[in-house]
Amino acid sequence: MVAVAFLALFLVAAGLIVSAVQVRHRDVGLAMPVVLQMWMFATPVLYPLSAARRGLPAALYGLYIANPMAGIVDAFRRSVVLHQHPDSAALAVSAHGILVLLPASYIYFKHAERTMADVV
């Protein structure tokens, strides 16, 4: 399933960024529960993506769909719960975000890795 692959790639990218930032700024670990809770409300976990499409203005919906998890979570909901095909436009936006985020997070991690032993 495409959504599982996208989720795995996004989690690798997020893990690389958070782990590299955590080494320098210890407060990141304390802020993560709050950030994850806010992010859950910004992702269509509790409501379908179609409700966000109807309820938000076009400019805000474009910003909303830029969240890579929006397309992934909607694909899981559509395929598992509704037995429908995933929204290809939402998955394409998620794929584009992941393709930008994954190399950037790898480069940042490799850059930060050179001095991680000195900081820890």
PDB file of N, CA and C in Angstrom:
ATOM      1  N   MET A   1       0.841  -1.173   0.000  1.00  0.00           N
ATOM      2  CA  MET A   1       0.000   0.000   0.000  1.00  0.00           C
ATOM      3  C   MET A   1       0.891   1.243   0.000  1.00  0.00           C
ATOM      4  N   VAL A   2       0.531   2.196  -0.800  1.00  0.00           N
ATOM      5  CA  VAL A   2       1.311   3.413  -0.976  1.00  0.00           C
ATOM      6  C   VAL A   2       1.335   4.241   0.297  1.00  0.00           C
ATOM      7  N   ALA A   3       0.238   4.293   1.008  1.00  0.00           N
ATOM      8  CA  ALA A   3       0.163   5.104   2.224  1.00  0.00           C
ATOM      9  C   ALA A   3       1.134   4.604   3.294  1.00  0.00           C
ATOM     10  N   VAL A   4       1.349   3.312   3.374  1.00  0.00           N
ATOM     11  CA  VAL A   4       2.285   2.763   4.360  1.00  0.00           C
ATOM     12  C   VAL A   4       3.712   3.192   4.012  1.00  0.00           C
ATOM     13  N   ALA A   5       4.055   3.139   2.732  1.00  0.00           N
ATOM     14  CA  ALA A   5       5.392   3.565   2.307  1.00  0.00           C
ATOM     15  C   ALA A   5       5.595   5.053   2.566  1.00  0.00           C
ATOM     16  N   PHE A   6       4.593   5.866   2.249  1.00  0.00           N
ATOM     17  CA  PHE A   6       4.698   7.302   2.510  1.00  0.00           C
ATOM     18  C   PHE A   6       4.826   7.574   3.999  1.00  0.00           C
ATOM     19  N   LEU A   7       4.071   6.854   4.805  1.00  0.00           N
ATOM     20  CA  LEU A   7       4.138   7.043   6.257  1.00  0.00           C
ATOM     21  C   LEU A   7       5.526   6.685   6.780  1.00  0.00           C
ATOM     22  N   ALA A   8       6.088   5.584   6.302  1.00  0.00           N
ATOM     23  CA  ALA A   8       7.417   5.171   6.758  1.00  0.00           C
ATOM     24  C   ALA A   8       8.470   6.205   6.368  1.00  0.00           C
ATOM     25  N   LEU A   9       8.408   6.707   5.141  1.00  0.00           N
ATOM     26  CA  LEU A   9       9.376   7.712   4.703  1.00  0.00           C
ATOM     27  C   LEU A   9       9.227   9.018   5.483  1.00  0.00           C
ATOM     28  N   PHE A  10       7.990   9.413   5.742  1.00  0.00           N
ATOM     29  CA  PHE A  10       7.776  10.640   6.506  1.00  0.00           C
ATOM     30  C   PHE A  10       8.272  10.488   7.940  1.00  0.00           C
ATOM     31  N   LEU A  11       8.055   9.335   8.537  1.00  0.00           N
ATOM     32  CA  LEU A  11       8.506   9.124   9.912  1.00  0.00           C
ATOM     33  C   LEU A  11      10.026   9.082  10.007  1.00  0.00           C
ATOM     34  N   VAL A  12      10.680   8.553   8.988  1.00  0.00           N
ATOM     35  CA  VAL A  12      12.148   8.585   8.966  1.00  0.00           C
ATOM     36  C   VAL A  12      12.630  10.035   8.900  1.00  0.00           C
ATOM     37  N   ALA A  13      12.026  10.819   8.028  1.00  0.00           N
ATOM     38  CA  ALA A  13      12.418  12.229   7.900  1.00  0.00           C
ATOM     39  C   ALA A  13      12.165  12.990   9.195  1.00  0.00           C
ATOM     40  N   ALA A  14      11.002  12.789   9.796  1.00  0.00           N
ATOM     41  CA  ALA A  14      10.688  13.481  11.050  1.00  0.00           C
ATOM     42  C   ALA A  14      11.621  13.025  12.169  1.00  0.00           C
ATOM     43  N   GLY A  15      11.930  11.748  12.208  1.00  0.00           N
ATOM     44  CA  GLY A  15      12.843  11.234  13.229  1.00  0.00           C
ATOM     45  C   GLY A  15      14.243  11.800  13.102  1.00  0.00           C
ATOM     46  N   LEU A  16      14.713  11.956  11.869  1.00  0.00           N
ATOM     47  CA  LEU A  16      16.030  12.537  11.657  1.00  0.00           C
ATOM     48  C   LEU A  16      16.086  13.985  12.141  1.00  0.00           C
ATOM     49  N   ILE A  17      15.060  14.746  11.813  1.00  0.00           N
ATOM     50  CA  ILE A  17      15.049  16.157  12.220  1.00  0.00           C
ATOM     51  C   ILE A  17      14.926  16.282  13.728  1.00  0.00           C
ATOM     52  N   VAL A  18      13.980  15.586  14.324  1.00  0.00           N
ATOM     53  CA  VAL A  18      13.750  15.721  15.764  1.00  0.00           C
ATOM     54  C   VAL A  18      14.946  15.226  16.558  1.00  0.00           C
ATOM     55  N   SER A  19      15.564  14.154  16.130  1.00  0.00           N
ATOM     56  CA  SER A  19      16.712  13.644  16.884  1.00  0.00           C
ATOM     57  C   SER A  19      17.898  14.585  16.798  1.00  0.00           C
ATOM     58  N   ALA A  20      18.117  15.201  15.643  1.00  0.00           N
ATOM     59  CA  ALA A  20      19.228  16.139  15.513  1.00  0.00           C
ATOM     60  C   ALA A  20      18.978  17.407  16.323  1.00  0.00           C
ATOM     61  N   VAL A  21      17.749  17.874  16.340  1.00  0.00           N
ATOM     62  CA  VAL A  21      17.434  19.081  17.118  1.00  0.00           C
ATOM     63  C   VAL A  21      17.432  18.776  18.611  1.00  0.00           C
ATOM     64  N   GLN A  22      17.027  17.586  19.003  1.00  0.00           N
ATOM     65  CA  GLN A  22      16.983  17.187  20.409  1.00  0.00           C
ATOM     66  C   GLN A  22      18.364  17.212  21.047  1.00  0.00           C
ATOM     67  N   VAL A  23      19.396  16.880  20.272  1.00  0.00           N
ATOM     68  CA  VAL A  23      20.752  16.876  20.817  1.00  0.00           C
ATOM     69  C   VAL A  23      21.162  18.286  21.232  1.00  0.00           C
ATOM     70  N   ARG A  24      20.840  19.259  20.418  1.00  0.00           N
ATOM     71  CA  ARG A  24      21.228  20.651  20.714  1.00  0.00           C
ATOM     72  C   ARG A  24      20.297  21.315  21.728  1.00  0.00           C
ATOM     73  N   HIS A  25      19.014  21.078  21.595  1.00  0.00           N
ATOM     74  CA  HIS A  25      18.017  21.749  22.433  1.00  0.00           C
ATOM     75  C   HIS A  25      17.229  20.688  23.198  1.00  0.00           C
ATOM     76  N   ARG A  26      17.542  20.513  24.450  1.00  0.00           N
ATOM     77  CA  ARG A  26      16.923  19.451  25.260  1.00  0.00           C
ATOM     78  C   ARG A  26      15.435  19.676  25.509  1.00  0.00           C
ATOM     79  N   ASP A  27      14.979  20.897  25.366  1.00  0.00           N
ATOM     80  CA  ASP A  27      13.569  21.195  25.618  1.00  0.00           C
ATOM     81  C   ASP A  27      12.645  20.652  24.534  1.00  0.00           C
ATOM     82  N   VAL A  28      13.200  20.203  23.434  1.00  0.00           N
ATOM     83  CA  VAL A  28      12.379  19.643  22.356  1.00  0.00           C
ATOM     84  C   VAL A  28      11.611  18.428  22.861  1.00  0.00           C
ATOM     85  N   GLY A  29      12.259  17.612  23.677  1.00  0.00           N
ATOM     86  CA  GLY A  29      11.587  16.434  24.227  1.00  0.00           C
ATOM     87  C   GLY A  29      10.411  16.786  25.113  1.00  0.00           C
ATOM     88  N   LEU A  30      10.517  17.902  25.818  1.00  0.00           N
ATOM     89  CA  LEU A  30       9.412  18.339  26.673  1.00  0.00           C
ATOM     90  C   LEU A  30       8.276  18.962  25.863  1.00  0.00           C
ATOM     91  N   ALA A  31       8.609  19.560  24.744  1.00  0.00           N
ATOM     92  CA  ALA A  31       7.595  20.215  23.919  1.00  0.00           C
ATOM     93  C   ALA A  31       6.883  19.247  22.978  1.00  0.00           C
ATOM     94  N   MET A  32       7.437  18.074  22.749  1.00  0.00           N
ATOM     95  CA  MET A  32       6.861  17.151  21.776  1.00  0.00           C
ATOM     96  C   MET A  32       5.418  16.737  22.061  1.00  0.00           C
ATOM     97  N   PRO A  33       5.012  16.455  23.304  1.00  0.00           N
ATOM     98  CA  PRO A  33       3.601  16.100  23.503  1.00  0.00           C
ATOM     99  C   PRO A  33       2.641  17.212  23.103  1.00  0.00           C
ATOM    100  N   VAL A  34       3.004  18.446  23.377  1.00  0.00           N
ATOM    101  CA  VAL A  34       2.137  19.570  23.011  1.00  0.00           C
ATOM    102  C   VAL A  34       2.102  19.740  21.494  1.00  0.00           C
ATOM    103  N   VAL A  35       3.262  19.637  20.863  1.00  0.00           N
ATOM    104  CA  VAL A  35       3.335  19.776  19.404  1.00  0.00           C
ATOM    105  C   VAL A  35       2.539  18.666  18.722  1.00  0.00           C
ATOM    106  N   LEU A  36       2.665  17.437  19.208  1.00  0.00           N
ATOM    107  CA  LEU A  36       1.930  16.326  18.608  1.00  0.00           C
ATOM    108  C   LEU A  36       0.423  16.473  18.792  1.00  0.00           C
ATOM    109  N   GLN A  37       0.003  17.003  19.926  1.00  0.00           N
ATOM    110  CA  GLN A  37      -1.423  17.199  20.136  1.00  0.00           C
ATOM    111  C   GLN A  37      -1.972  18.279  19.199  1.00  0.00           C
ATOM    112  N   MET A  38      -1.245  19.372  19.031  1.00  0.00           N
ATOM    113  CA  MET A  38      -1.694  20.407  18.087  1.00  0.00           C
ATOM    114  C   MET A  38      -1.680  19.880  16.657  1.00  0.00           C
ATOM    115  N   TRP A  39      -0.671  19.063  16.342  1.00  0.00           N
ATOM    116  CA  TRP A  39      -0.568  18.508  14.998  1.00  0.00           C
ATOM    117  C   TRP A  39      -1.708  17.537  14.718  1.00  0.00           C
ATOM    118  N   MET A  40      -2.174  16.840  15.731  1.00  0.00           N
ATOM    119  CA  MET A  40      -3.291  15.928  15.530  1.00  0.00           C
ATOM    120  C   MET A  40      -4.555  16.686  15.121  1.00  0.00           C
ATOM    121  N   PHE A  41      -4.759  17.874  15.676  1.00  0.00           N
ATOM    122  CA  PHE A  41      -5.915  18.663  15.280  1.00  0.00           C
ATOM    123  C   PHE A  41      -5.729  19.293  13.907  1.00  0.00           C
ATOM    124  N   ALA A  42      -4.487  19.432  13.460  1.00  0.00           N
ATOM    125  CA  ALA A  42      -4.216  19.969  12.131  1.00  0.00           C
ATOM    126  C   ALA A  42      -4.171  18.875  11.072  1.00  0.00           C
ATOM    127  N   THR A  43      -4.403  17.647  11.469  1.00  0.00           N
ATOM    128  CA  THR A  43      -4.425  16.505  10.559  1.00  0.00           C
ATOM    129  C   THR A  43      -5.816  15.883  10.620  1.00  0.00           C
ATOM    130  N   PRO A  44      -6.350  15.417   9.508  1.00  0.00           N
ATOM    131  CA  PRO A  44      -7.704  14.855   9.525  1.00  0.00           C
ATOM    132  C   PRO A  44      -7.775  13.486  10.191  1.00  0.00           C
ATOM    133  N   VAL A  45      -7.495  13.455  11.485  1.00  0.00           N
ATOM    134  CA  VAL A  45      -7.589  12.210  12.238  1.00  0.00           C
ATOM    135  C   VAL A  45      -9.010  12.035  12.765  1.00  0.00           C
ATOM    136  N   LEU A  46      -9.552  13.089  13.319  1.00  0.00           N
ATOM    137  CA  LEU A  46     -10.878  13.019  13.938  1.00  0.00           C
ATOM    138  C   LEU A  46     -12.011  13.352  12.976  1.00  0.00           C
ATOM    139  N   TYR A  47     -11.690  13.820  11.793  1.00  0.00           N
ATOM    140  CA  TYR A  47     -12.695  14.230  10.814  1.00  0.00           C
ATOM    141  C   TYR A  47     -12.158  13.921   9.425  1.00  0.00           C
ATOM    142  N   PRO A  48     -13.025  13.737   8.438  1.00  0.00           N
ATOM    143  CA  PRO A  48     -12.542  13.429   7.085  1.00  0.00           C
ATOM    144  C   PRO A  48     -11.962  14.664   6.397  1.00  0.00           C
ATOM    145  N   LEU A  49     -11.119  14.431   5.430  1.00  0.00           N
ATOM    146  CA  LEU A  49     -10.509  15.513   4.676  1.00  0.00           C
ATOM    147  C   LEU A  49     -11.550  16.309   3.905  1.00  0.00           C
ATOM    148  N   SER A  50     -12.613  15.673   3.505  1.00  0.00           N
ATOM    149  CA  SER A  50     -13.678  16.380   2.772  1.00  0.00           C
ATOM    150  C   SER A  50     -14.348  17.432   3.648  1.00  0.00           C
ATOM    151  N   ALA A  51     -14.404  17.213   4.960  1.00  0.00           N
ATOM    152  CA  ALA A  51     -14.974  18.223   5.857  1.00  0.00           C
ATOM    153  C   ALA A  51     -14.083  19.450   5.919  1.00  0.00           C
ATOM    154  N   ALA A  52     -12.789  19.260   5.880  1.00  0.00           N
ATOM    155  CA  ALA A  52     -11.868  20.396   5.858  1.00  0.00           C
ATOM    156  C   ALA A  52     -11.965  21.132   4.532  1.00  0.00           C
ATOM    157  N   ARG A  53     -12.172  20.387   3.448  1.00  0.00           N
ATOM    158  CA  ARG A  53     -12.297  21.015   2.130  1.00  0.00           C
ATOM    159  C   ARG A  53     -13.532  21.904   2.071  1.00  0.00           C
ATOM    160  N   ARG A  54     -14.627  21.446   2.702  1.00  0.00           N
ATOM    161  CA  ARG A  54     -15.856  22.245   2.700  1.00  0.00           C
ATOM    162  C   ARG A  54     -15.800  23.398   3.691  1.00  0.00           C
ATOM    163  N   GLY A  55     -15.140  23.194   4.827  1.00  0.00           N
ATOM    164  CA  GLY A  55     -15.202  24.169   5.900  1.00  0.00           C
ATOM    165  C   GLY A  55     -14.150  25.261   5.866  1.00  0.00           C
ATOM    166  N   LEU A  56     -13.098  25.079   5.086  1.00  0.00           N
ATOM    167  CA  LEU A  56     -12.021  26.064   5.059  1.00  0.00           C
ATOM    168  C   LEU A  56     -12.044  26.857   3.764  1.00  0.00           C
ATOM    169  N   PRO A  57     -11.642  28.119   3.823  1.00  0.00           N
ATOM    170  CA  PRO A  57     -11.465  28.870   2.569  1.00  0.00           C
ATOM    171  C   PRO A  57     -10.343  28.252   1.735  1.00  0.00           C
ATOM    172  N   ALA A  58     -10.327  28.573   0.459  1.00  0.00           N
ATOM    173  CA  ALA A  58      -9.371  27.944  -0.461  1.00  0.00           C
ATOM    174  C   ALA A  58      -7.919  28.212  -0.059  1.00  0.00           C
ATOM    175  N   ALA A  59      -7.627  29.415   0.400  1.00  0.00           N
ATOM    176  CA  ALA A  59      -6.252  29.744   0.782  1.00  0.00           C
ATOM    177  C   ALA A  59      -5.818  28.928   1.999  1.00  0.00           C
ATOM    178  N   LEU A  60      -6.694  28.784   2.980  1.00  0.00           N
ATOM    179  CA  LEU A  60      -6.359  28.006   4.170  1.00  0.00           C
ATOM    180  C   LEU A  60      -6.335  26.510   3.873  1.00  0.00           C
ATOM    181  N   TYR A  61      -7.155  26.070   2.956  1.00  0.00           N
ATOM    182  CA  TYR A  61      -7.144  24.650   2.611  1.00  0.00           C
ATOM    183  C   TYR A  61      -5.822  24.278   1.936  1.00  0.00           C
ATOM    184  N   GLY A  62      -5.287  25.174   1.118  1.00  0.00           N
ATOM    185  CA  GLY A  62      -3.991  24.923   0.502  1.00  0.00           C
ATOM    186  C   GLY A  62      -2.890  24.770   1.541  1.00  0.00           C
ATOM    187  N   LEU A  63      -2.940  25.581   2.574  1.00  0.00           N
ATOM    188  CA  LEU A  63      -1.979  25.462   3.670  1.00  0.00           C
ATOM    189  C   LEU A  63      -2.230  24.188   4.470  1.00  0.00           C
ATOM    190  N   TYR A  64      -3.494  23.857   4.653  1.00  0.00           N
ATOM    191  CA  TYR A  64      -3.874  22.665   5.416  1.00  0.00           C
ATOM    192  C   TYR A  64      -3.417  21.384   4.727  1.00  0.00           C
ATOM    193  N   ILE A  65      -3.588  21.321   3.421  1.00  0.00           N
ATOM    194  CA  ILE A  65      -3.236  20.109   2.686  1.00  0.00           C
ATOM    195  C   ILE A  65      -1.720  19.983   2.525  1.00  0.00           C
ATOM    196  N   ALA A  66      -0.962  21.057   2.792  1.00  0.00           N
ATOM    197  CA  ALA A  66       0.502  20.992   2.733  1.00  0.00           C
ATOM    198  C   ALA A  66       1.072  20.120   3.851  1.00  0.00           C
ATOM    199  N   ASN A  67       0.282  19.840   4.878  1.00  0.00           N
ATOM    200  CA  ASN A  67       0.686  18.910   5.928  1.00  0.00           C
ATOM    201  C   ASN A  67       0.798  17.518   5.296  1.00  0.00           C
ATOM    202  N   PRO A  68       1.991  16.922   5.272  1.00  0.00           N
ATOM    203  CA  PRO A  68       2.129  15.613   4.607  1.00  0.00           C
ATOM    204  C   PRO A  68       1.257  14.522   5.218  1.00  0.00           C
ATOM    205  N   MET A  69       0.946  14.616   6.486  1.00  0.00           N
ATOM    206  CA  MET A  69       0.129  13.588   7.126  1.00  0.00           C
ATOM    207  C   MET A  69      -1.339  13.665   6.724  1.00  0.00           C
ATOM    208  N   ALA A  70      -1.784  14.795   6.187  1.00  0.00           N
ATOM    209  CA  ALA A  70      -3.194  14.924   5.801  1.00  0.00           C
ATOM    210  C   ALA A  70      -3.561  13.914   4.714  1.00  0.00           C
ATOM    211  N   GLY A  71      -2.751  13.833   3.679  1.00  0.00           N
ATOM    212  CA  GLY A  71      -3.034  12.882   2.603  1.00  0.00           C
ATOM    213  C   GLY A  71      -2.863  11.441   3.031  1.00  0.00           C
ATOM    214  N   ILE A  72      -1.879  11.190   3.902  1.00  0.00           N
ATOM    215  CA  ILE A  72      -1.616   9.825   4.349  1.00  0.00           C
ATOM    216  C   ILE A  72      -2.747   9.313   5.227  1.00  0.00           C
ATOM    217  N   VAL A  73      -3.162  10.114   6.188  1.00  0.00           N
ATOM    218  CA  VAL A  73      -4.246   9.702   7.091  1.00  0.00           C
ATOM    219  C   VAL A  73      -5.554   9.542   6.316  1.00  0.00           C
ATOM    220  N   ASP A  74      -5.792  10.451   5.375  1.00  0.00           N
ATOM    221  CA  ASP A  74      -7.006  10.336   4.565  1.00  0.00           C
ATOM    222  C   ASP A  74      -6.963   9.078   3.697  1.00  0.00           C
ATOM    223  N   ALA A  75      -5.797   8.718   3.194  1.00  0.00           N
ATOM    224  CA  ALA A  75      -5.682   7.483   2.396  1.00  0.00           C
ATOM    225  C   ALA A  75      -5.966   6.258   3.247  1.00  0.00           C
ATOM    226  N   PHE A  76      -5.455   6.245   4.476  1.00  0.00           N
ATOM    227  CA  PHE A  76      -5.768   5.132   5.375  1.00  0.00           C
ATOM    228  C   PHE A  76      -7.269   5.063   5.666  1.00  0.00           C
ATOM    229  N   ARG A  77      -7.879   6.199   5.949  1.00  0.00           N
ATOM    230  CA  ARG A  77      -9.311   6.208   6.260  1.00  0.00           C
ATOM    231  C   ARG A  77     -10.133   5.721   5.067  1.00  0.00           C
ATOM    232  N   ARG A  78      -9.797   6.224   3.890  1.00  0.00           N
ATOM    233  CA  ARG A  78     -10.572   5.840   2.712  1.00  0.00           C
ATOM    234  C   ARG A  78     -10.413   4.359   2.381  1.00  0.00           C
ATOM    235  N   SER A  79      -9.208   3.840   2.495  1.00  0.00           N
ATOM    236  CA  SER A  79      -9.004   2.447   2.095  1.00  0.00           C
ATOM    237  C   SER A  79      -9.455   1.454   3.156  1.00  0.00           C
ATOM    238  N   VAL A  80      -9.247   1.754   4.421  1.00  0.00           N
ATOM    239  CA  VAL A  80      -9.570   0.786   5.474  1.00  0.00           C
ATOM    240  C   VAL A  80     -11.023   0.902   5.918  1.00  0.00           C
ATOM    241  N   VAL A  81     -11.485   2.107   6.159  1.00  0.00           N
ATOM    242  CA  VAL A  81     -12.824   2.290   6.728  1.00  0.00           C
ATOM    243  C   VAL A  81     -13.892   2.379   5.640  1.00  0.00           C
ATOM    244  N   LEU A  82     -13.636   3.202   4.614  1.00  0.00           N
ATOM    245  CA  LEU A  82     -14.662   3.468   3.606  1.00  0.00           C
ATOM    246  C   LEU A  82     -14.574   2.554   2.386  1.00  0.00           C
ATOM    247  N   HIS A  83     -13.498   1.764   2.267  1.00  0.00           N
ATOM    248  CA  HIS A  83     -13.283   0.871   1.123  1.00  0.00           C
ATOM    249  C   HIS A  83     -13.365   1.627  -0.198  1.00  0.00           C
ATOM    250  N   GLN A  84     -12.681   2.776  -0.236  1.00  0.00           N
ATOM    251  CA  GLN A  84     -12.610   3.599  -1.439  1.00  0.00           C
ATOM    252  C   GLN A  84     -11.153   3.747  -1.851  1.00  0.00           C
ATOM    253  N   HIS A  85     -10.953   4.253  -3.046  1.00  0.00           N
ATOM    254  CA  HIS A  85      -9.603   4.557  -3.495  1.00  0.00           C
ATOM    255  C   HIS A  85      -9.139   5.843  -2.813  1.00  0.00           C
ATOM    256  N   PRO A  86      -7.852   5.950  -2.493  1.00  0.00           N
ATOM    257  CA  PRO A  86      -7.349   7.176  -1.867  1.00  0.00           C
ATOM    258  C   PRO A  86      -7.464   8.371  -2.803  1.00  0.00           C
ATOM    259  N   ASP A  87      -7.540   9.541  -2.223  1.00  0.00           N
ATOM    260  CA  ASP A  87      -7.577  10.785  -2.981  1.00  0.00           C
ATOM    261  C   ASP A  87      -6.186  11.009  -3.572  1.00  0.00           C
ATOM    262  N   SER A  88      -6.089  10.904  -4.885  1.00  0.00           N
ATOM    263  CA  SER A  88      -4.771  10.975  -5.528  1.00  0.00           C
ATOM    264  C   SER A  88      -4.152  12.363  -5.408  1.00  0.00           C
ATOM    265  N   ALA A  89      -4.969  13.410  -5.403  1.00  0.00           N
ATOM    266  CA  ALA A  89      -4.423  14.763  -5.272  1.00  0.00           C
ATOM    267  C   ALA A  89      -3.804  14.960  -3.897  1.00  0.00           C
ATOM    268  N   ALA A  90      -4.461  14.501  -2.853  1.00  0.00           N
ATOM    269  CA  ALA A  90      -3.929  14.645  -1.503  1.00  0.00           C
ATOM    270  C   ALA A  90      -2.668  13.808  -1.325  1.00  0.00           C
ATOM    271  N   LEU A  91      -2.645  12.608  -1.900  1.00  0.00           N
ATOM    272  CA  LEU A  91      -1.445  11.779  -1.819  1.00  0.00           C
ATOM    273  C   LEU A  91      -0.295  12.368  -2.622  1.00  0.00           C
ATOM    274  N   ALA A  92      -0.596  13.024  -3.725  1.00  0.00           N
ATOM    275  CA  ALA A  92       0.460  13.650  -4.526  1.00  0.00           C
ATOM    276  C   ALA A  92       1.105  14.803  -3.759  1.00  0.00           C
ATOM    277  N   VAL A  93       0.293  15.580  -3.063  1.00  0.00           N
ATOM    278  CA  VAL A  93       0.839  16.672  -2.247  1.00  0.00           C
ATOM    279  C   VAL A  93       1.688  16.100  -1.116  1.00  0.00           C
ATOM    280  N   SER A  94       1.224  15.021  -0.498  1.00  0.00           N
ATOM    281  CA  SER A  94       2.005  14.378   0.556  1.00  0.00           C
ATOM    282  C   SER A  94       3.316  13.832   0.010  1.00  0.00           C
ATOM    283  N   ALA A  95       3.272  13.209  -1.149  1.00  0.00           N
ATOM    284  CA  ALA A  95       4.485  12.663  -1.752  1.00  0.00           C
ATOM    285  C   ALA A  95       5.478  13.767  -2.067  1.00  0.00           C
ATOM    286  N   HIS A  96       4.985  14.881  -2.571  1.00  0.00           N
ATOM    287  CA  HIS A  96       5.871  16.006  -2.875  1.00  0.00           C
ATOM    288  C   HIS A  96       6.517  16.543  -1.597  1.00  0.00           C
ATOM    289  N   GLY A  97       5.733  16.689  -0.550  1.00  0.00           N
ATOM    290  CA  GLY A  97       6.281  17.151   0.724  1.00  0.00           C
ATOM    291  C   GLY A  97       7.323  16.200   1.283  1.00  0.00           C
ATOM    292  N   ILE A  98       7.073  14.918   1.164  1.00  0.00           N
ATOM    293  CA  ILE A  98       8.011  13.915   1.673  1.00  0.00           C
ATOM    294  C   ILE A  98       9.283  13.912   0.837  1.00  0.00           C
ATOM    295  N   LEU A  99       9.151  14.054  -0.474  1.00  0.00           N
ATOM    296  CA  LEU A  99      10.329  14.076  -1.335  1.00  0.00           C
ATOM    297  C   LEU A  99      11.205  15.301  -1.089  1.00  0.00           C
ATOM    298  N   VAL A 100      10.628  16.372  -0.591  1.00  0.00           N
ATOM    299  CA  VAL A 100      11.411  17.551  -0.219  1.00  0.00           C
ATOM    300  C   VAL A 100      11.983  17.387   1.187  1.00  0.00           C
ATOM    301  N   LEU A 101      11.176  16.872   2.105  1.00  0.00           N
ATOM    302  CA  LEU A 101      11.568  16.787   3.508  1.00  0.00           C
ATOM    303  C   LEU A 101      12.620  15.711   3.773  1.00  0.00           C
ATOM    304  N   LEU A 102      12.534  14.585   3.111  1.00  0.00           N
ATOM    305  CA  LEU A 102      13.455  13.485   3.400  1.00  0.00           C
ATOM    306  C   LEU A 102      14.914  13.818   3.077  1.00  0.00           C
ATOM    307  N   PRO A 103      15.246  14.317   1.895  1.00  0.00           N
ATOM    308  CA  PRO A 103      16.652  14.674   1.660  1.00  0.00           C
ATOM    309  C   PRO A 103      17.111  15.843   2.537  1.00  0.00           C
ATOM    310  N   ALA A 104      16.225  16.814   2.768  1.00  0.00           N
ATOM    311  CA  ALA A 104      16.601  17.947   3.608  1.00  0.00           C
ATOM    312  C   ALA A 104      16.888  17.502   5.034  1.00  0.00           C
ATOM    313  N   SER A 105      16.074  16.601   5.557  1.00  0.00           N
ATOM    314  CA  SER A 105      16.302  16.126   6.923  1.00  0.00           C
ATOM    315  C   SER A 105      17.564  15.276   7.005  1.00  0.00           C
ATOM    316  N   TYR A 106      17.853  14.499   5.973  1.00  0.00           N
ATOM    317  CA  TYR A 106      19.082  13.699   5.960  1.00  0.00           C
ATOM    318  C   TYR A 106      20.316  14.600   5.928  1.00  0.00           C
ATOM    319  N   ILE A 107      20.269  15.626   5.101  1.00  0.00           N
ATOM    320  CA  ILE A 107      21.394  16.566   5.016  1.00  0.00           C
ATOM    321  C   ILE A 107      21.585  17.288   6.341  1.00  0.00           C
ATOM    322  N   TYR A 108      20.493  17.729   6.953  1.00  0.00           N
ATOM    323  CA  TYR A 108      20.603  18.414   8.247  1.00  0.00           C
ATOM    324  C   TYR A 108      21.144  17.473   9.319  1.00  0.00           C
ATOM    325  N   PHE A 109      20.690  16.236   9.331  1.00  0.00           N
ATOM    326  CA  PHE A 109      21.176  15.277  10.319  1.00  0.00           C
ATOM    327  C   PHE A 109      22.671  15.019  10.136  1.00  0.00           C
ATOM    328  N   LYS A 110      23.107  14.838   8.905  1.00  0.00           N
ATOM    329  CA  LYS A 110      24.528  14.605   8.647  1.00  0.00           C
ATOM    330  C   LYS A 110      25.361  15.825   9.032  1.00  0.00           C
ATOM    331  N   HIS A 111      24.825  17.007   8.818  1.00  0.00           N
ATOM    332  CA  HIS A 111      25.510  18.226   9.231  1.00  0.00           C
ATOM    333  C   HIS A 111      25.624  18.313  10.739  1.00  0.00           C
ATOM    334  N   ALA A 112      24.558  18.001  11.448  1.00  0.00           N
ATOM    335  CA  ALA A 112      24.554  18.068  12.907  1.00  0.00           C
ATOM    336  C   ALA A 112      25.314  16.902  13.531  1.00  0.00           C
ATOM    337  N   GLU A 113      25.419  15.800  12.811  1.00  0.00           N
ATOM    338  CA  GLU A 113      26.068  14.603  13.362  1.00  0.00           C
ATOM    339  C   GLU A 113      27.551  14.827  13.641  1.00  0.00           C
ATOM    340  N   ARG A 114      28.160  15.726  12.920  1.00  0.00           N
ATOM    341  CA  ARG A 114      29.598  15.959  13.102  1.00  0.00           C
ATOM    342  C   ARG A 114      29.928  16.478  14.488  1.00  0.00           C
ATOM    343  N   THR A 115      28.997  17.197  15.105  1.00  0.00           N
ATOM    344  CA  THR A 115      29.279  17.767  16.434  1.00  0.00           C
ATOM    345  C   THR A 115      28.405  17.173  17.534  1.00  0.00           C
ATOM    346  N   MET A 116      27.673  16.116  17.253  1.00  0.00           N
ATOM    347  CA  MET A 116      26.789  15.541  18.279  1.00  0.00           C
ATOM    348  C   MET A 116      27.569  14.987  19.454  1.00  0.00           C
ATOM    349  N   ALA A 117      28.679  14.331  19.211  1.00  0.00           N
ATOM    350  CA  ALA A 117      29.454  13.755  20.310  1.00  0.00           C
ATOM    351  C   ALA A 117      30.021  14.838  21.221  1.00  0.00           C
ATOM    352  N   ASP A 118      30.312  16.008  20.676  1.00  0.00           N
ATOM    353  CA  ASP A 118      30.826  17.103  21.493  1.00  0.00           C
ATOM    354  C   ASP A 118      29.757  17.690  22.397  1.00  0.00           C
ATOM    355  N   VAL A 119      28.509  17.677  21.932  1.00  0.00           N
ATOM    356  CA  VAL A 119      27.417  18.277  22.697  1.00  0.00           C
ATOM    357  C   VAL A 119      26.928  17.338  23.780  1.00  0.00           C
ATOM    358  N   VAL A 120      26.856  16.059  23.463  1.00  0.00           N
ATOM    359  CA  VAL A 120      26.344  15.081  24.427  1.00  0.00           C
ATOM    360  C   VAL A 120      27.376  14.871  25.477  1.00  0.00           C
TER     361      VAL A 120
END
